[in-house]
């Protein structure tokens, strides 16, 4: 029925980045010091939605400093639930991708995040993808 998306254009000459999202989770910004927080990109309308956007100003322009990373992920990460329906949440995702991932290659950081979700949810089967 619909698809979420995040889109960015990065200029490696000056580190500038333009990000827009349509129903997709807010990307996370990992600073060089290991802190991780939502980027603050305003949500847009999901692709395939019958709703019309109220504004067309959901582009966010930022500059990535040396050592910073942008993390895109699907909602299966922060919406993963325990049997009592407690969600993993964005705060836990930020914590998992922070200090524990210092100096790790990106594919290993993704594995650390997935392991943190599995440890949180236990054997509870999840209904959404984690990408």
N, C-alpha and C. Protein backbone atom coordinates (compact mmCIF):
# COMPACT_ATOMS: atom_id res chain seq x y z
N UNK A 1 0.81 -1.20 0.00
CA UNK A 1 0.00 0.00 0.00
C UNK A 1 0.85 1.26 0.00
N UNK A 2 1.98 1.22 0.68
CA UNK A 2 2.85 2.38 0.75
C UNK A 2 4.28 1.91 1.02
N UNK A 3 5.21 2.80 0.84
CA UNK A 3 6.62 2.52 1.08
C UNK A 3 7.22 3.73 1.77
N UNK A 4 8.07 3.48 2.77
CA UNK A 4 8.80 4.59 3.39
C UNK A 4 10.14 4.71 2.67
N UNK A 5 10.74 5.87 2.78
CA UNK A 5 12.05 6.06 2.15
C UNK A 5 12.82 7.16 2.86
N UNK A 6 14.11 7.07 2.71
CA UNK A 6 15.00 8.16 3.11
C UNK A 6 15.94 8.35 1.94
N UNK A 7 16.28 9.59 1.67
CA UNK A 7 17.11 9.91 0.52
C UNK A 7 18.09 10.99 0.91
N UNK A 8 19.31 10.83 0.48
CA UNK A 8 20.30 11.84 0.79
C UNK A 8 21.26 12.06 -0.37
N UNK A 9 21.77 13.24 -0.45
CA UNK A 9 22.82 13.58 -1.41
C UNK A 9 23.99 14.12 -0.60
N UNK A 10 25.12 13.42 -0.72
CA UNK A 10 26.31 13.76 0.05
C UNK A 10 27.37 14.31 -0.90
N UNK A 11 28.00 15.40 -0.51
CA UNK A 11 29.10 15.98 -1.27
C UNK A 11 30.38 15.77 -0.48
N UNK A 12 31.24 14.85 -0.96
CA UNK A 12 32.45 14.53 -0.20
C UNK A 12 33.51 15.63 -0.28
N UNK A 13 33.27 16.64 -1.09
CA UNK A 13 34.24 17.75 -1.15
C UNK A 13 34.18 18.61 0.11
N UNK A 14 32.98 18.80 0.65
CA UNK A 14 32.85 19.67 1.83
C UNK A 14 32.05 19.02 2.97
N UNK A 15 31.63 17.76 2.80
CA UNK A 15 30.89 17.07 3.84
C UNK A 15 29.42 17.46 3.93
N UNK A 16 28.94 18.26 2.98
CA UNK A 16 27.54 18.69 3.04
C UNK A 16 26.62 17.54 2.64
N UNK A 17 25.45 17.53 3.25
CA UNK A 17 24.49 16.48 3.05
C UNK A 17 23.09 17.08 3.05
N UNK A 18 22.28 16.68 2.09
CA UNK A 18 20.87 17.04 2.06
C UNK A 18 20.10 15.74 2.25
N UNK A 19 19.21 15.71 3.24
CA UNK A 19 18.44 14.51 3.57
C UNK A 19 16.95 14.84 3.53
N UNK A 20 16.18 13.91 2.98
CA UNK A 20 14.72 14.01 3.03
C UNK A 20 14.20 12.61 3.34
N UNK A 21 13.05 12.56 4.01
CA UNK A 21 12.47 11.26 4.32
C UNK A 21 10.97 11.30 4.15
N UNK A 22 10.43 10.18 3.73
CA UNK A 22 8.99 10.04 3.56
C UNK A 22 8.50 8.88 4.40
N UNK A 23 8.08 9.15 5.62
CA UNK A 23 7.57 8.12 6.51
C UNK A 23 8.64 7.23 7.11
N UNK A 24 9.87 7.39 6.72
CA UNK A 24 10.98 6.56 7.20
C UNK A 24 11.48 7.11 8.54
N UNK A 25 12.05 6.26 9.40
CA UNK A 25 12.59 6.78 10.67
C UNK A 25 13.65 7.86 10.43
N UNK A 26 13.73 8.77 11.36
CA UNK A 26 14.73 9.83 11.30
C UNK A 26 16.12 9.21 11.35
N UNK A 27 16.99 9.52 10.38
CA UNK A 27 18.35 8.98 10.44
C UNK A 27 19.04 9.39 11.73
N UNK A 28 20.03 8.61 12.12
CA UNK A 28 20.81 8.90 13.31
C UNK A 28 22.16 9.47 12.89
N UNK A 29 22.65 10.41 13.67
CA UNK A 29 23.97 10.98 13.43
C UNK A 29 24.91 10.48 14.52
N UNK A 30 25.96 9.79 14.08
CA UNK A 30 26.98 9.32 15.02
C UNK A 30 28.16 10.27 14.95
N UNK A 31 28.40 10.97 16.04
CA UNK A 31 29.50 11.95 16.11
C UNK A 31 30.84 11.22 16.26
N UNK A 32 31.91 11.94 16.00
CA UNK A 32 33.25 11.37 16.10
C UNK A 32 33.55 10.91 17.53
N UNK A 33 32.91 11.53 18.53
CA UNK A 33 33.15 11.15 19.92
C UNK A 33 32.33 9.93 20.34
N UNK A 34 31.53 9.36 19.42
CA UNK A 34 30.75 8.16 19.70
C UNK A 34 29.33 8.41 20.13
N UNK A 35 28.94 9.66 20.37
CA UNK A 35 27.55 9.93 20.73
C UNK A 35 26.67 9.78 19.50
N UNK A 36 25.45 9.30 19.72
CA UNK A 36 24.51 9.06 18.62
C UNK A 36 23.17 9.68 19.00
N UNK A 37 22.56 10.40 18.05
CA UNK A 37 21.26 11.02 18.28
C UNK A 37 20.52 11.15 16.94
N UNK A 38 19.20 11.24 17.00
CA UNK A 38 18.44 11.47 15.76
C UNK A 38 18.92 12.75 15.07
N UNK A 39 18.92 12.72 13.76
CA UNK A 39 19.40 13.84 12.96
C UNK A 39 18.47 15.05 13.05
N UNK A 40 17.17 14.79 13.12
CA UNK A 40 16.21 15.90 13.17
C UNK A 40 15.61 16.23 11.82
N UNK A 41 15.64 15.27 10.90
CA UNK A 41 15.03 15.47 9.57
C UNK A 41 13.51 15.39 9.71
N UNK A 42 12.83 16.40 9.20
CA UNK A 42 11.37 16.44 9.29
C UNK A 42 10.76 15.32 8.45
N UNK A 43 9.69 14.70 8.95
CA UNK A 43 9.06 13.62 8.18
C UNK A 43 8.31 14.16 6.96
N UNK A 44 8.30 13.37 5.94
CA UNK A 44 7.49 13.67 4.76
C UNK A 44 6.44 12.59 4.61
N UNK A 45 5.72 12.63 3.53
CA UNK A 45 4.63 11.68 3.27
C UNK A 45 5.21 10.39 2.69
N UNK A 46 4.66 9.25 3.12
CA UNK A 46 5.09 7.96 2.59
C UNK A 46 4.78 7.88 1.10
N UNK A 47 5.62 7.17 0.37
CA UNK A 47 5.38 6.97 -1.06
C UNK A 47 4.16 6.06 -1.22
N UNK A 48 3.22 6.46 -2.05
CA UNK A 48 1.99 5.71 -2.26
C UNK A 48 0.86 6.18 -1.39
N UNK A 49 1.12 7.10 -0.46
CA UNK A 49 0.09 7.62 0.41
C UNK A 49 -0.86 8.51 -0.39
N UNK A 50 -2.10 8.49 0.00
CA UNK A 50 -3.09 9.34 -0.66
C UNK A 50 -3.10 10.74 -0.05
N UNK A 51 -2.36 10.92 1.03
CA UNK A 51 -2.29 12.23 1.68
C UNK A 51 -1.39 13.16 0.89
N UNK A 52 -1.77 14.40 0.87
CA UNK A 52 -0.92 15.41 0.23
C UNK A 52 -0.08 16.08 1.31
N UNK A 53 1.19 16.30 1.03
CA UNK A 53 2.02 16.97 2.04
C UNK A 53 1.52 18.38 2.29
N UNK A 54 1.57 18.79 3.56
CA UNK A 54 1.15 20.15 3.89
C UNK A 54 2.22 21.15 3.49
N UNK A 55 3.46 20.72 3.46
CA UNK A 55 4.58 21.58 3.07
C UNK A 55 5.53 20.76 2.23
N UNK A 56 6.38 21.42 1.53
CA UNK A 56 7.40 20.72 0.76
C UNK A 56 8.79 21.10 1.26
N UNK A 57 8.89 21.39 2.54
CA UNK A 57 10.17 21.82 3.08
C UNK A 57 10.76 20.81 4.05
N UNK A 58 10.70 19.54 3.68
CA UNK A 58 11.23 18.54 4.61
C UNK A 58 12.68 18.15 4.31
N UNK A 59 13.37 18.92 3.50
CA UNK A 59 14.79 18.67 3.30
C UNK A 59 15.58 19.25 4.47
N UNK A 60 16.58 18.52 4.91
CA UNK A 60 17.46 18.99 5.96
C UNK A 60 18.87 19.05 5.39
N UNK A 61 19.53 20.16 5.60
CA UNK A 61 20.91 20.33 5.15
C UNK A 61 21.82 20.35 6.36
N UNK A 62 22.82 19.48 6.35
CA UNK A 62 23.80 19.39 7.43
C UNK A 62 25.18 19.21 6.82
N UNK A 63 26.19 19.40 7.64
CA UNK A 63 27.56 19.11 7.22
C UNK A 63 28.11 18.05 8.15
N UNK A 64 28.55 16.94 7.56
CA UNK A 64 29.17 15.88 8.35
C UNK A 64 30.63 16.25 8.56
N UNK A 65 31.02 16.24 9.80
CA UNK A 65 32.40 16.54 10.17
C UNK A 65 33.23 15.25 10.05
N UNK A 66 34.55 15.37 9.97
CA UNK A 66 35.38 14.16 9.91
C UNK A 66 35.06 13.22 11.07
N UNK A 67 34.91 11.94 10.77
CA UNK A 67 34.62 10.93 11.79
C UNK A 67 33.15 10.74 12.09
N UNK A 68 32.27 11.54 11.48
CA UNK A 68 30.83 11.39 11.71
C UNK A 68 30.22 10.45 10.67
N UNK A 69 29.15 9.79 11.07
CA UNK A 69 28.44 8.85 10.19
C UNK A 69 26.94 9.11 10.27
N UNK A 70 26.28 8.88 9.16
CA UNK A 70 24.81 8.93 9.11
C UNK A 70 24.32 7.49 9.10
N UNK A 71 23.37 7.18 9.97
CA UNK A 71 22.85 5.82 10.09
C UNK A 71 21.40 5.80 9.66
N UNK A 72 21.11 5.05 8.61
CA UNK A 72 19.75 4.85 8.13
C UNK A 72 19.30 3.46 8.56
N UNK A 73 18.07 3.32 8.98
CA UNK A 73 17.57 2.03 9.46
C UNK A 73 16.07 1.97 9.28
N UNK A 74 15.52 0.77 9.27
CA UNK A 74 14.07 0.62 9.17
C UNK A 74 13.45 0.59 10.57
N UNK A 75 12.16 0.80 10.63
CA UNK A 75 11.46 0.89 11.91
C UNK A 75 11.43 -0.43 12.68
N UNK A 76 11.82 -1.52 12.03
CA UNK A 76 11.88 -2.80 12.73
C UNK A 76 12.85 -2.78 13.90
N UNK A 77 13.84 -1.88 13.85
CA UNK A 77 14.78 -1.77 14.97
C UNK A 77 14.12 -1.13 16.18
N UNK A 78 13.62 0.08 16.04
CA UNK A 78 13.10 0.74 17.24
C UNK A 78 11.73 0.23 17.68
N UNK A 79 10.99 -0.43 16.77
CA UNK A 79 9.67 -0.96 17.13
C UNK A 79 9.72 -2.43 17.57
N UNK A 80 10.90 -3.03 17.60
CA UNK A 80 11.02 -4.42 18.07
C UNK A 80 10.51 -4.50 19.51
N UNK A 81 9.71 -5.54 19.80
CA UNK A 81 9.04 -5.62 21.10
C UNK A 81 9.39 -6.87 21.89
N UNK A 82 9.34 -6.69 23.20
CA UNK A 82 9.38 -7.81 24.13
C UNK A 82 7.97 -8.39 24.19
N UNK A 83 7.81 -9.55 24.82
CA UNK A 83 6.46 -10.11 24.96
C UNK A 83 5.48 -9.18 25.67
N UNK A 84 5.98 -8.28 26.55
CA UNK A 84 5.09 -7.35 27.25
C UNK A 84 4.79 -6.10 26.43
N UNK A 85 5.23 -6.09 25.16
CA UNK A 85 5.01 -5.00 24.19
C UNK A 85 5.86 -3.76 24.44
N UNK A 86 6.87 -3.86 25.32
CA UNK A 86 7.83 -2.78 25.48
C UNK A 86 8.69 -2.73 24.23
N UNK A 87 8.81 -1.55 23.61
CA UNK A 87 9.60 -1.42 22.39
C UNK A 87 11.07 -1.13 22.70
N UNK A 88 11.94 -1.57 21.79
CA UNK A 88 13.37 -1.33 21.91
C UNK A 88 13.65 0.16 21.95
N UNK A 89 13.06 0.91 21.04
CA UNK A 89 13.13 2.37 21.06
C UNK A 89 14.40 2.95 20.44
N UNK A 90 14.30 4.21 20.11
CA UNK A 90 15.41 4.92 19.48
C UNK A 90 16.55 5.14 20.47
N UNK A 91 16.23 5.42 21.73
CA UNK A 91 17.30 5.64 22.73
C UNK A 91 18.20 4.42 22.87
N UNK A 92 17.61 3.24 22.93
CA UNK A 92 18.42 2.02 23.04
C UNK A 92 19.23 1.80 21.77
N UNK A 93 18.64 2.11 20.62
CA UNK A 93 19.37 1.97 19.36
C UNK A 93 20.56 2.91 19.33
N UNK A 94 20.37 4.14 19.77
CA UNK A 94 21.48 5.11 19.84
C UNK A 94 22.58 4.60 20.76
N UNK A 95 22.19 4.05 21.91
CA UNK A 95 23.18 3.53 22.87
C UNK A 95 23.95 2.36 22.27
N UNK A 96 23.26 1.47 21.57
CA UNK A 96 23.93 0.31 20.96
C UNK A 96 24.92 0.74 19.89
N UNK A 97 24.60 1.79 19.15
CA UNK A 97 25.46 2.24 18.06
C UNK A 97 26.51 3.25 18.50
N UNK A 98 26.49 3.63 19.76
CA UNK A 98 27.44 4.59 20.29
C UNK A 98 28.76 3.95 20.63
N UNK A 99 29.17 4.07 21.88
CA UNK A 99 30.48 3.60 22.34
C UNK A 99 30.78 2.14 21.98
N UNK A 100 29.79 1.21 22.05
CA UNK A 100 30.12 -0.17 21.69
C UNK A 100 30.63 -0.33 20.25
N UNK A 101 30.35 0.63 19.41
CA UNK A 101 30.75 0.54 18.01
C UNK A 101 31.99 1.37 17.66
N UNK A 102 32.59 1.99 18.66
CA UNK A 102 33.76 2.84 18.40
C UNK A 102 34.84 2.04 17.67
N UNK A 103 35.23 2.54 16.53
CA UNK A 103 36.31 1.94 15.76
C UNK A 103 35.94 0.70 14.97
N UNK A 104 34.69 0.25 15.05
CA UNK A 104 34.29 -0.95 14.31
C UNK A 104 33.92 -0.60 12.87
N UNK A 105 34.13 -1.55 11.94
CA UNK A 105 33.65 -1.33 10.57
C UNK A 105 32.11 -1.26 10.57
N UNK A 106 31.55 -0.62 9.55
CA UNK A 106 30.09 -0.40 9.50
C UNK A 106 29.29 -1.70 9.55
N UNK A 107 29.74 -2.75 8.86
CA UNK A 107 28.98 -4.00 8.89
C UNK A 107 28.95 -4.59 10.30
N UNK A 108 30.00 -4.41 11.05
CA UNK A 108 30.04 -4.90 12.43
C UNK A 108 29.12 -4.07 13.32
N UNK A 109 29.05 -2.77 13.08
CA UNK A 109 28.11 -1.91 13.83
C UNK A 109 26.68 -2.37 13.61
N UNK A 110 26.33 -2.72 12.38
CA UNK A 110 24.98 -3.22 12.08
C UNK A 110 24.72 -4.50 12.86
N UNK A 111 25.71 -5.38 12.94
CA UNK A 111 25.56 -6.63 13.68
C UNK A 111 25.40 -6.36 15.17
N UNK A 112 26.13 -5.39 15.71
CA UNK A 112 26.01 -5.03 17.13
C UNK A 112 24.59 -4.55 17.42
N UNK A 113 24.03 -3.72 16.54
CA UNK A 113 22.67 -3.21 16.73
C UNK A 113 21.65 -4.36 16.69
N UNK A 114 21.79 -5.25 15.73
CA UNK A 114 20.88 -6.39 15.62
C UNK A 114 20.99 -7.29 16.85
N UNK A 115 22.21 -7.51 17.33
CA UNK A 115 22.41 -8.33 18.54
C UNK A 115 21.75 -7.67 19.76
N UNK A 116 21.84 -6.35 19.86
CA UNK A 116 21.22 -5.64 20.98
C UNK A 116 19.70 -5.80 20.95
N UNK A 117 19.12 -5.74 19.76
CA UNK A 117 17.67 -5.93 19.65
C UNK A 117 17.30 -7.35 20.05
N UNK A 118 18.04 -8.33 19.57
CA UNK A 118 17.74 -9.73 19.91
C UNK A 118 17.89 -9.98 21.42
N UNK A 119 18.89 -9.38 22.02
CA UNK A 119 19.07 -9.53 23.47
C UNK A 119 17.90 -8.91 24.23
N UNK A 120 17.38 -7.80 23.72
CA UNK A 120 16.27 -7.09 24.36
C UNK A 120 14.96 -7.87 24.21
N UNK A 121 14.69 -8.36 23.00
CA UNK A 121 13.40 -9.00 22.72
C UNK A 121 13.36 -10.45 23.14
N UNK A 122 14.52 -11.10 23.30
CA UNK A 122 14.53 -12.52 23.62
C UNK A 122 13.95 -13.33 22.49
N UNK A 123 13.27 -14.41 22.80
CA UNK A 123 12.76 -15.29 21.75
C UNK A 123 11.50 -14.78 21.05
N UNK A 124 11.02 -13.61 21.43
CA UNK A 124 9.79 -13.06 20.85
C UNK A 124 9.99 -12.81 19.35
N UNK A 125 9.18 -13.45 18.52
CA UNK A 125 9.30 -13.29 17.07
C UNK A 125 8.82 -11.89 16.66
N UNK A 126 9.62 -11.23 15.83
CA UNK A 126 9.30 -9.88 15.39
C UNK A 126 8.51 -9.92 14.08
N UNK A 127 7.69 -8.90 13.88
CA UNK A 127 6.81 -8.85 12.71
C UNK A 127 7.33 -7.95 11.60
N UNK A 128 8.46 -7.31 11.83
CA UNK A 128 8.95 -6.34 10.85
C UNK A 128 10.41 -6.62 10.54
N UNK A 129 10.86 -6.15 9.38
CA UNK A 129 12.25 -6.33 9.01
C UNK A 129 13.14 -5.40 9.79
N UNK A 130 14.41 -5.74 9.88
CA UNK A 130 15.41 -4.89 10.50
C UNK A 130 16.54 -4.72 9.48
N UNK A 131 16.54 -3.58 8.86
CA UNK A 131 17.53 -3.30 7.83
C UNK A 131 18.28 -2.03 8.18
